[in-house]
Protein backbone atom coordinates (compact mmCIF):
# COMPACT_ATOMS: atom_id res chain seq x y z
CA MET A 1 0.02 0.20 0.02
CA ALA A 2 1.25 3.40 -1.03
CA ILE A 3 1.98 6.25 1.08
CA LEU A 4 0.52 9.40 0.42
CA THR A 5 1.37 13.04 1.35
CA ILE A 6 -1.65 15.02 2.80
CA SER A 7 -1.39 17.39 -0.82
CA GLN A 8 -1.34 13.94 -2.75
CA LEU A 9 -4.55 13.28 -1.29
CA ASN A 10 -6.29 16.67 -1.56
CA ARG A 11 -5.09 16.48 -5.14
CA TYR A 12 -6.65 13.05 -5.65
CA VAL A 13 -9.91 13.84 -4.15
CA ALA A 14 -9.99 17.40 -5.80
CA PHE A 15 -9.24 15.48 -9.06
CA ARG A 16 -12.04 13.02 -8.60
CA LEU A 17 -14.48 15.63 -7.77
CA LYS A 18 -14.01 17.49 -10.57
CA GLU A 19 -14.31 14.58 -12.82
CA ASP A 20 -17.66 13.83 -11.22
CA LYS A 21 -20.18 15.36 -13.48
CA ALA A 22 -23.15 15.02 -11.22
CA ILE A 23 -21.55 17.54 -8.79
CA GLN A 24 -20.70 19.79 -11.47
CA SER A 25 -22.90 23.00 -12.83
CA ILE A 26 -25.76 22.31 -10.18
CA LEU A 27 -28.56 24.02 -8.31
CA VAL A 28 -28.58 24.50 -4.78
CA ARG A 29 -31.00 25.77 -2.74
CA GLY A 30 -29.85 26.87 1.00
CA GLU A 31 -30.23 29.67 3.38
CA VAL A 32 -27.28 32.39 3.62
CA SER A 33 -24.99 32.44 6.87
CA ASN A 34 -21.74 34.30 7.75
CA PHE A 35 -21.77 36.05 4.39
CA ASN A 36 -19.09 38.45 3.88
CA ARG A 37 -17.59 40.29 0.98
CA ASN A 38 -13.87 40.87 0.81
CA ALA A 39 -13.68 44.65 0.42
CA ARG A 40 -9.78 44.23 -1.21
CA SER A 41 -10.62 41.26 -3.57
CA GLY A 42 -14.29 41.49 -4.10
CA HIS A 43 -14.34 37.54 -3.65
CA CYS A 44 -17.45 36.58 -1.37
CA TYR A 45 -17.44 33.71 1.19
CA PHE A 46 -20.38 32.18 3.23
CA THR A 47 -22.50 29.50 4.31
CA LEU A 48 -25.08 27.63 2.46
CA LYS A 49 -27.22 25.27 5.06
CA ASP A 50 -30.52 23.66 5.49
CA GLU A 51 -32.25 22.07 8.80
CA GLU A 52 -29.59 19.61 8.98
CA CYS A 53 -26.54 20.32 7.13
CA ALA A 54 -24.19 23.44 5.84
CA VAL A 55 -21.58 23.79 3.41
CA LYS A 56 -18.93 26.47 2.85
CA ALA A 57 -19.18 28.66 -0.63
CA VAL A 58 -17.35 31.12 -2.55
CA MET A 59 -18.16 33.32 -5.25
CA PHE A 60 -15.39 35.25 -7.01
CA ARG A 61 -15.52 38.94 -8.00
CA SER A 62 -16.31 38.57 -11.51
CA SER A 63 -19.36 36.37 -10.87
CA ALA A 64 -20.52 38.30 -7.54
CA GLU A 65 -20.57 41.72 -9.86
CA ARG A 66 -23.30 40.23 -12.10
CA ILE A 67 -25.92 39.31 -9.29
CA ARG A 68 -28.35 42.23 -8.72
CA PHE A 69 -29.17 42.05 -5.14
CA SER A 70 -27.21 42.26 -1.89
CA PRO A 71 -27.42 38.78 -0.04
CA GLN A 72 -27.70 38.98 3.64
CA ASP A 73 -27.54 36.22 6.52
CA GLY A 74 -30.66 34.41 6.67
CA MET A 75 -31.67 34.80 3.04
CA HIS A 76 -32.65 31.77 1.39
CA ILE A 77 -30.99 31.67 -2.40
CA ILE A 78 -31.08 29.18 -5.04
CA ALA A 79 -27.16 29.24 -6.23
CA ALA A 80 -25.47 27.88 -9.35
CA ALA A 81 -22.51 26.05 -8.25
CA SER A 82 -19.86 23.04 -8.70
CA ALA A 83 -18.66 21.60 -5.79
CA SER A 84 -14.87 20.32 -5.41
CA LEU A 85 -12.01 20.52 -2.70
CA TYR A 86 -9.87 23.52 -1.92
CA GLU A 87 -6.68 21.55 -1.12
CA ARG A 88 -4.55 23.92 0.82
CA ASP A 89 -7.44 23.61 3.60
CA GLY A 90 -8.68 20.26 2.76
CA SER A 91 -12.30 21.82 2.75
CA PHE A 92 -15.42 20.68 0.62
CA GLN A 93 -17.12 23.65 -1.14
CA LEU A 94 -19.33 25.05 -3.22
CA TYR A 95 -17.89 27.64 -6.36
CA VAL A 96 -21.21 29.77 -6.85
CA THR A 97 -21.38 31.10 -10.14
CA ASP A 98 -24.71 32.80 -9.84
CA MET A 99 -27.40 33.06 -7.52
CA GLN A 100 -30.93 34.61 -6.93
CA GLN A 101 -33.20 34.83 -4.09
CA ASP A 102 -35.77 32.31 -2.99
CA GLY A 103 -37.48 33.71 -0.01
CA ILE A 104 -36.44 34.55 3.35
CA GLY A 105 -34.86 32.15 5.23
CA GLN A 106 -36.76 30.39 8.47
CA GLN A 107 -34.28 31.63 10.95
CA GLN A 108 -34.49 35.40 9.26
CA LEU A 109 -38.11 35.02 9.52
CA ALA A 110 -38.16 33.86 13.04
CA LEU A 111 -35.49 36.73 13.93
CA GLN A 112 -38.01 39.42 12.14
CA LYS A 113 -41.30 37.92 14.02
CA LEU A 114 -39.58 38.08 17.73
CA ARG A 115 -38.49 41.87 16.67
CA GLU A 116 -42.05 42.91 15.87
CA LYS A 117 -43.25 41.45 19.24
CA LEU A 118 -40.87 43.16 21.44
CA THR A 119 -41.22 46.14 19.78
CA SER A 120 -44.79 46.37 20.06
CA MET A 121 -43.81 45.59 23.82
CA GLY A 122 -41.65 48.77 24.09
CA VAL A 123 -39.01 46.82 24.73
CA PHE A 124 -36.79 49.05 22.23
CA ASP A 125 -38.49 52.23 23.02
CA PRO A 126 -35.92 55.27 23.09
CA ALA A 127 -37.47 57.02 25.76
CA GLY A 128 -36.94 53.83 28.36
CA LYS A 129 -32.96 54.16 28.01
CA ARG A 130 -31.48 54.83 31.00
CA ASN A 131 -28.22 56.89 31.29
CA ILE A 132 -24.73 55.42 32.20
CA PRO A 133 -23.43 56.43 35.47
CA VAL A 134 -20.46 58.97 34.91
CA TYR A 135 -18.25 57.49 37.98
CA PRO A 136 -19.71 54.09 38.53
CA LYS A 137 -18.28 52.26 42.00
CA LYS A 138 -18.55 48.91 40.78
CA ILE A 139 -18.70 47.75 37.13
CA GLY A 140 -20.10 44.29 36.14
CA VAL A 141 -18.79 42.40 32.86
CA VAL A 142 -21.31 39.44 31.89
CA THR A 143 -19.70 37.13 29.04
CA SER A 144 -17.53 34.18 28.70
CA ALA A 145 -14.62 33.91 31.45
CA ALA A 146 -12.25 32.10 28.40
CA GLY A 147 -13.06 34.42 25.70
CA ALA A 148 -10.75 37.19 24.12
CA ALA A 149 -13.56 40.03 25.11
CA VAL A 150 -13.35 39.73 28.66
CA HIS A 151 -9.72 39.97 28.65
CA ASP A 152 -10.12 43.14 26.52
CA VAL A 153 -12.61 44.70 28.96
CA ILE A 154 -10.13 44.10 31.98
CA GLU A 155 -7.03 45.62 30.29
CA VAL A 156 -9.05 48.65 29.34
CA ILE A 157 -10.92 49.57 32.65
CA GLY A 158 -7.60 48.82 34.35
CA ARG A 159 -5.77 51.18 32.10
CA ARG A 160 -8.50 53.87 32.05
CA TYR A 161 -10.14 53.46 35.89
CA PRO A 162 -8.18 51.80 38.14
CA ILE A 163 -10.53 53.07 41.10
CA GLY A 164 -13.15 51.28 40.15
CA VAL A 165 -14.07 47.75 41.03
CA LEU A 166 -14.64 45.40 38.18
CA GLU A 167 -16.61 42.03 38.75
CA ILE A 168 -16.84 39.33 35.90
CA PHE A 169 -20.12 37.08 35.75
CA PRO A 170 -19.13 34.43 33.43
CA ALA A 171 -21.54 33.34 31.40
CA GLN A 172 -21.99 30.49 28.43
CA VAL A 173 -22.29 32.88 25.34
CA GLN A 174 -22.74 30.29 22.49
CA GLY A 175 -24.89 27.25 22.40
CA GLU A 176 -28.31 26.28 23.07
CA ALA A 177 -27.57 26.93 26.70
CA ALA A 178 -26.23 29.93 26.24
CA PRO A 179 -29.70 32.10 26.79
CA ALA A 180 -30.50 31.03 30.07
CA SER A 181 -26.73 31.29 31.10
CA ILE A 182 -26.70 34.90 30.00
CA ALA A 183 -30.25 35.65 31.73
CA ARG A 184 -28.57 33.92 35.01
CA ALA A 185 -25.47 36.01 34.58
CA ILE A 186 -27.34 39.25 34.48
CA ALA A 187 -29.87 38.13 37.40
CA LYS A 188 -26.63 37.94 39.28
CA ALA A 189 -25.02 40.85 38.76
CA GLU A 190 -28.12 42.87 39.01
CA VAL A 191 -28.35 42.25 42.57
CA SER A 192 -24.69 42.36 43.57
CA GLY A 193 -24.48 46.31 43.27
CA CYS A 194 -23.44 46.53 40.12
CA ASP A 195 -23.58 50.39 38.76
CA VAL A 196 -23.26 49.49 35.16
CA LEU A 197 -23.31 46.20 33.12
CA ILE A 198 -21.59 45.06 30.03
CA VAL A 199 -23.18 42.32 28.55
CA GLY A 200 -21.63 40.72 25.17
CA ARG A 201 -18.90 38.63 23.75
CA GLY A 202 -16.28 38.89 20.80
CA GLY A 203 -16.89 38.31 17.45
CA GLY A 204 -18.43 35.17 15.86
CA SER A 205 -20.83 34.18 13.05
CA SER A 206 -24.39 34.54 13.12
CA GLU A 207 -24.88 31.38 14.57
CA ASP A 208 -22.11 32.09 17.43
CA LEU A 209 -24.37 35.06 18.32
CA SER A 210 -27.68 33.70 17.76
CA ALA A 211 -28.28 33.60 21.93
CA PHE A 212 -27.97 37.81 21.81
CA ASN A 213 -31.19 37.29 19.40
CA THR A 214 -33.23 35.11 22.17
CA GLU A 215 -36.31 36.71 24.18
CA GLN A 216 -34.68 35.17 27.36
CA VAL A 217 -31.58 37.49 26.90
CA VAL A 218 -33.20 40.59 25.36
CA MET A 219 -36.08 40.28 28.16
CA ALA A 220 -33.62 39.92 30.74
CA VAL A 221 -31.54 43.32 29.29
CA TYR A 222 -34.57 44.73 29.74
CA ASN A 223 -36.01 43.94 32.98
CA CYS A 224 -32.61 44.54 34.51
CA SER A 225 -32.62 47.58 36.71
CA VAL A 226 -28.97 48.28 36.15
CA PRO A 227 -27.71 50.21 33.07
CA ILE A 228 -26.84 47.93 30.76
CA ILE A 229 -23.94 48.41 27.62
CA SER A 230 -24.22 45.91 24.96
CA ALA A 231 -21.35 44.74 23.26
CA VAL A 232 -22.14 41.94 20.81
CA GLY A 233 -19.46 40.73 18.24
CA HIS A 234 -18.08 43.38 16.10
CA GLU A 235 -19.21 46.62 14.75
CA THR A 236 -20.86 45.13 11.91
CA ASP A 237 -23.09 42.75 13.99
CA VAL A 238 -26.42 44.03 15.24
CA THR A 239 -28.36 41.77 17.92
CA LEU A 240 -31.81 42.49 19.51
CA THR A 241 -29.83 42.80 22.70
CA ASP A 242 -28.14 45.66 21.23
CA ALA A 243 -31.57 47.29 20.44
CA ALA A 244 -32.66 46.43 23.76
CA ALA A 245 -29.69 47.66 26.27
CA ASP A 246 -29.68 51.31 27.31
CA LEU A 247 -26.44 51.70 25.26
CA ARG A 248 -24.88 50.04 22.19
CA ALA A 249 -21.07 49.78 21.59
CA PRO A 250 -19.66 48.18 18.64
CA THR A 251 -16.88 46.17 20.57
CA PRO A 252 -16.37 44.65 23.84
CA SER A 253 -13.09 46.99 24.34
CA ALA A 254 -15.35 50.13 23.31
CA ALA A 255 -18.08 49.40 25.93
CA ALA A 256 -15.37 49.16 28.36
CA GLU A 257 -14.65 52.86 27.01
CA GLN A 258 -17.92 53.97 27.21
CA ALA A 259 -18.65 52.20 30.59
CA VAL A 260 -16.07 54.30 32.59
CA PRO A 261 -14.14 57.61 32.31
CA SER A 262 -10.32 58.10 31.90
CA ILE A 263 -8.28 58.73 34.65
CA ASP A 264 -5.78 60.66 33.18
CA GLU A 265 -9.12 62.96 31.68
CA MET A 266 -10.36 63.17 35.25
CA LYS A 267 -7.41 64.53 36.79
CA GLN A 268 -6.78 67.06 33.75
CA LEU A 269 -10.19 68.01 34.88
CA ILE A 270 -9.66 68.22 38.33
CA LEU A 271 -6.48 70.31 37.38
CA SER A 272 -8.75 72.65 35.58
CA ASN A 273 -11.48 73.16 38.04
CA LYS A 274 -8.71 73.65 40.37
CA LEU A 275 -7.34 76.79 38.41
CA LYS A 276 -10.98 77.82 37.74
CA LEU A 277 -11.77 77.36 41.70
CA MET A 278 -8.33 79.22 42.28
CA GLN A 279 -8.97 81.85 39.82
CA THR A 280 -12.77 82.56 41.17
CA PHE A 281 -11.47 82.81 44.57
CA SER A 282 -8.78 85.22 43.71
CA ALA A 283 -11.12 87.13 41.99
CA CYS A 284 -13.41 86.86 44.99
CA ILE A 285 -10.72 88.24 47.58
CA GLU A 286 -10.15 90.94 45.12
CA LYS A 287 -13.21 91.96 44.88
CA ASN A 288 -13.94 91.81 48.39
CA GLU A 289 -10.76 93.64 49.36
CA ASP A 290 -12.04 96.66 46.93
CA ARG A 291 -15.44 96.28 48.98
CA LEU A 292 -13.72 96.57 51.79
CA GLN A 293 -11.33 99.45 50.91
CA ARG A 294 -14.49 101.51 49.77
CA LEU A 295 -16.45 101.02 52.83
CA THR A 296 -13.53 101.63 55.17
CA GLU A 297 -13.56 105.19 53.21
CA ARG A 298 -17.16 105.36 53.67
CA LEU A 299 -16.73 104.68 57.52
CA LYS A 300 -13.68 106.86 57.75
CA LEU A 301 -15.52 109.95 56.26
CA SER A 302 -18.65 109.03 58.51
CA SER A 303 -16.45 108.90 61.79
CA PRO A 304 -16.86 112.20 64.20
CA ALA A 305 -13.14 112.74 63.71
CA GLN A 306 -13.17 112.47 60.04
CA ARG A 307 -16.02 114.75 59.67
CA GLN A 308 -14.41 117.39 62.69
CA ALA A 309 -11.52 117.26 60.54
CA LEU A 310 -13.27 118.00 57.38
CA ALA A 311 -15.32 120.77 58.90
CA GLN A 312 -12.00 122.17 59.92
CA GLN A 313 -10.82 121.97 56.49
CA GLN A 314 -13.92 123.51 55.13
CA LEU A 315 -13.60 126.14 58.26
CA GLU A 316 -9.67 126.76 56.97
CA THR A 317 -10.94 127.29 53.40
CA LEU A 318 -13.70 129.42 54.30
CA LYS A 319 -11.21 131.43 56.01
CA LYS A 320 -8.80 131.84 53.62
CA ARG A 321 -11.73 133.13 50.74
CA PHE A 322 -12.79 135.25 53.53
CA ILE A 323 -9.26 137.04 54.20
CA THR A 324 -8.53 136.94 50.35
CA ALA A 325 -12.09 138.68 49.88
CA ALA A 326 -11.54 141.07 52.80
CA ASN A 327 -8.02 142.13 51.53
CA ALA A 328 -9.53 142.46 48.17
CA ARG A 329 -12.42 144.76 49.24
CA ILE A 330 -10.00 146.27 51.45
CA GLY A 331 -7.89 146.97 48.93
CA ILE A 332 -10.81 148.35 46.47
CA SER A 333 -11.72 150.56 49.35
CA GLU A 334 -8.40 151.98 50.19
CA ALA A 335 -7.96 152.92 46.30
CA LEU A 336 -11.09 154.56 46.36
CA PHE A 337 -10.47 156.12 49.64
CA GLN A 338 -7.06 157.70 48.17
CA LYS A 339 -9.16 158.86 44.76
CA GLU A 340 -11.53 160.87 47.41
CA LEU A 341 -8.87 162.02 49.17
CA ALA A 342 -7.21 163.27 46.05
CA ARG A 343 -10.11 164.81 45.18
CA LEU A 344 -11.05 166.29 48.48
CA ASP A 345 -7.24 167.32 48.66
CA ALA A 346 -7.70 169.20 45.13
CA LEU A 347 -10.98 170.70 46.86
CA SER A 348 -9.27 171.85 50.00
CA PRO A 349 -9.05 175.34 51.03
CA LEU A 350 -5.65 174.77 52.65
CA LYS A 351 -4.66 173.79 48.74
CA ILE A 352 -5.71 177.47 47.95
CA LEU A 353 -3.96 179.01 51.12
CA SER A 354 -0.86 177.69 50.35
CA ARG A 355 -0.78 179.32 47.07
CA GLY A 356 -1.17 182.75 49.11
CA TYR A 357 -4.82 183.19 49.62
CA ALA A 358 -5.86 183.40 53.14
CA LEU A 359 -9.62 182.73 55.02
CA VAL A 360 -11.07 185.60 57.29
CA TYR A 361 -13.09 184.67 59.88
CA LYS A 362 -15.02 187.43 62.39
CA GLU A 363 -16.05 185.12 65.01
CA ASP A 364 -17.37 182.16 63.02
CA VAL A 365 -18.31 184.08 60.02
CA LEU A 366 -16.20 183.56 57.09
CA LEU A 367 -15.86 187.12 55.42
CA ARG A 368 -16.54 187.08 52.05
CA ASP A 369 -17.34 191.09 51.66
CA ALA A 370 -15.20 193.83 53.48
CA ALA A 371 -18.52 195.77 54.16
CA LEU A 372 -19.15 192.83 57.15
CA SER A 373 -16.49 194.42 59.00
CA GLU A 374 -15.65 197.71 60.62
CA PRO A 375 -12.98 199.34 62.23
CA GLY A 376 -11.63 197.98 65.23
CA ASP A 377 -13.20 194.29 64.67
CA GLU A 378 -10.85 191.75 65.67
CA LEU A 379 -10.31 188.85 62.69
CA ASN A 380 -9.04 186.03 62.62
CA VAL A 381 -6.85 185.07 59.49
CA ILE A 382 -6.19 181.65 58.54
CA LEU A 383 -2.76 181.49 56.01
CA GLY A 384 -1.54 178.64 54.52
CA ARG A 385 0.73 178.14 57.06
CA GLY A 386 -0.10 179.35 60.36
CA LYS A 387 -3.17 181.65 61.58
CA LEU A 388 -3.29 185.57 62.48
CA HIS A 389 -5.53 187.77 65.12
CA VAL A 390 -5.55 191.22 63.81
CA LYS A 391 -7.65 194.15 64.05
CA VAL A 392 -9.11 196.50 61.68
CA LEU A 393 -7.69 199.20 61.22
CA THR A 394 -9.42 201.13 58.16
CA ARG A 395 -11.86 199.70 55.50
CA LYS A 396 -12.49 200.11 52.06
CA ASP A 397 -15.21 199.06 49.96
CA ASP A 398 -14.99 198.09 46.06
CA ASN A 399 -15.81 201.42 44.98
CA ASP A 400 -13.49 203.51 47.26
CA ASP A 401 -10.22 204.23 45.46
CA ILE A 402 -7.11 202.12 46.72
């Protein structure tokens, strides 16, 4: 008996399958699952299944560009294909060259009916969504204890929020027992004092994620009193649990980031608030110091000593103004006095007498006519300088010859 290598064996099986005309150019009816179009090559990879079996399939870009609809998981199709063996992996698969729709798959139909039922119950109503606490003390995680998702969550929360308490509630997230296991873990987490729950798992096929499309899990999420962040699969995977949760995250790592704040951002916020507080406090102190200064000045102005000093200052000012006004008035009066004195001096008889004239009085009567005196009368003569007491010897009138 010859000893074959794996390559020889796979090559032989592939050759025999290609030679079997019964499985070349066949039509196959099945439900699409795990559909994926490679963005770079354009090739489509998916699984075709029925109630009992499944087979992998590939549709190359040249064929995929000709179909007029977008295949989706749960869609029933009729595919034109040939069966062969992919030698490298030793996997039996279909090479699809064309396909057409053949109605909605049973799983997709059941999922659609469940979505309609839950929608009518208000399970997905946005008004019922709760806010995720900003600074949770305890964070619960419902997921598989052995999956990559739990390690991602632990790493992210440990780095971002080391002051929080993290508790894992293990659950089976795949298989027939998964829905009940997830529901029990949510119930356990609810009574453990958690402030927020992360419920989910890492990526997988639609069958792997099917537990999160069951009514049991969705209602457990909806009825939980603790806010829940759903993180099922990758960003493109959307389940009913995502719609029922208070918040959906595209991945478990993203859920961890949404569940807790960053301690670095918290430190920065504290420093920023500290600076604002110091600035506000300094401004308040400065404002109150200004107010105190104004009140002190007002108090000084209102004090008896200040009022006395102010009155004394006003008195001194009035005194100076009075003295200035009095001196000015005196100066004006002196000038007027000197003017009048000069005028009186000009009109004074003494001025006339100083020019050689004299005043002659008979007793107290000023004589202006010689006829008013008689020889022998005693007269007083006032000269410009000095006085004379004389006696009239003779008298001559104007008509008498001198």
